[in-house]
Amino acid sequence: MTVQKRSIGKPVSRRSQMRDDLGGHGYSETPGDRVINVTSDIAMVRQDFTMNFRHRASAKAVDIFGLVRQAGSWRIVSVLSDVSAAPNPPGSH
């Protein structure tokens, strides 16, 4: 499945979701497991990841994307995100 990153008709990018130059401030993300469920013209993608910080413990997080296929292209129509309340020990992913 190829996903064109759009949300309700507007382009979505990492830049619009996060402050500029977070990598330069010690933030990065490490992808984890991904689950994709497709039923006809709708789909759900669950992406687990680890949020890595330079000066504090990393944290597990998840993004869940709702998609719809329109005119042969997949479009993101909803995004849910959450971060684990319990941080991971420094150096673990």
Protein backbone atom coordinates (compact mmCIF):
# COMPACT_ATOMS: atom_id res chain seq x y z
CA MET A 1 0.00 0.00 0.00
CA THR A 2 1.40 3.39 -0.98
CA VAL A 3 0.01 6.20 1.13
CA GLN A 4 -0.14 9.77 -0.08
CA LYS A 5 0.16 11.87 3.06
CA ARG A 6 -2.90 14.08 3.12
CA SER A 7 -5.38 14.85 5.86
CA ILE A 8 -8.86 15.97 4.92
CA GLY A 9 -7.59 17.49 1.71
CA LYS A 10 -4.55 19.23 3.22
CA PRO A 11 -0.94 18.06 2.92
CA VAL A 12 0.50 16.55 6.09
CA SER A 13 4.21 16.46 6.74
CA ARG A 14 6.54 15.79 9.63
CA ARG A 15 7.42 19.50 9.48
CA SER A 16 3.80 20.53 10.14
CA GLN A 17 3.49 18.07 13.04
CA MET A 18 6.68 19.01 14.89
CA ARG A 19 8.75 22.11 15.52
CA ASP A 20 11.56 22.74 13.02
CA ASP A 21 15.00 21.16 13.62
CA LEU A 22 14.05 18.81 16.47
CA GLY A 23 16.88 16.53 15.34
CA GLY A 24 19.29 19.35 16.05
CA HIS A 25 17.85 19.53 19.56
CA GLY A 26 18.42 15.83 20.22
CA TYR A 27 15.06 14.34 19.22
CA SER A 28 14.61 11.36 16.92
CA GLU A 29 12.16 8.51 16.38
CA THR A 30 12.92 4.80 16.01
CA PRO A 31 10.19 2.87 14.13
CA GLY A 32 8.82 -0.28 15.75
CA ASP A 33 6.12 -2.75 14.75
CA ARG A 34 3.59 -1.79 12.08
CA VAL A 35 0.18 -3.36 11.56
CA ILE A 36 -1.89 -2.66 8.43
CA ASN A 37 -5.52 -3.73 8.10
CA VAL A 38 -7.31 -3.16 4.80
CA THR A 39 -11.01 -3.73 4.17
CA SER A 40 -12.14 -2.72 0.69
CA ASP A 41 -11.58 1.06 0.45
CA ILE A 42 -10.73 1.74 4.10
CA ALA A 43 -7.59 0.93 6.05
CA MET A 44 -6.04 1.31 9.48
CA VAL A 45 -2.30 1.56 10.09
CA ARG A 46 -0.85 1.26 13.60
CA GLN A 47 2.78 2.38 13.83
CA ASP A 48 4.63 1.83 17.10
CA PHE A 49 7.79 3.87 17.64
CA THR A 50 10.20 5.08 20.27
CA MET A 51 10.67 8.77 20.92
CA ASN A 52 14.37 9.40 21.65
CA PHE A 53 15.52 12.47 23.56
CA ARG A 54 19.08 13.66 24.15
CA HIS A 55 18.66 14.67 27.80
CA ARG A 56 15.91 12.40 29.12
CA ALA A 57 14.62 8.84 28.92
CA SER A 58 13.07 7.61 25.69
CA ALA A 59 9.33 6.87 25.54
CA LYS A 60 7.22 4.35 23.64
CA ALA A 61 4.54 5.88 21.43
CA VAL A 62 1.98 4.90 18.82
CA ASP A 63 0.36 6.57 15.82
CA ILE A 64 -2.86 5.15 14.37
CA PHE A 65 -3.85 6.34 10.90
CA GLY A 66 -7.31 5.96 9.35
CA LEU A 67 -7.19 5.91 5.55
CA VAL A 68 -9.67 5.89 2.69
CA ARG A 69 -9.03 5.04 -0.94
CA GLN A 70 -10.41 7.71 -3.29
CA ALA A 71 -9.90 7.65 -7.04
CA GLY A 72 -7.24 4.96 -6.64
CA SER A 73 -5.13 6.84 -4.07
CA TRP A 74 -4.93 6.30 -0.31
CA ARG A 75 -5.59 9.41 1.79
CA ILE A 76 -5.11 9.84 5.53
CA VAL A 77 -8.38 11.02 7.07
CA SER A 78 -7.59 10.67 10.78
CA VAL A 79 -4.59 10.41 13.07
CA LEU A 80 -4.54 9.30 16.70
CA SER A 81 -1.32 9.47 18.72
CA ASP A 82 -0.39 8.49 22.25
CA VAL A 83 2.75 8.24 24.38
CA SER A 84 3.32 5.69 27.14
CA ALA A 85 3.16 7.15 30.65
CA ALA A 86 6.15 5.02 31.73
CA PRO A 87 9.42 6.15 30.07
CA ASN A 88 11.96 3.60 28.90
CA PRO A 89 15.33 3.50 30.66
CA PRO A 90 17.98 5.65 28.92
CA GLY A 91 19.67 3.76 26.07
CA SER A 92 16.81 1.28 25.50
CA HIS A 93 14.59 1.28 22.41
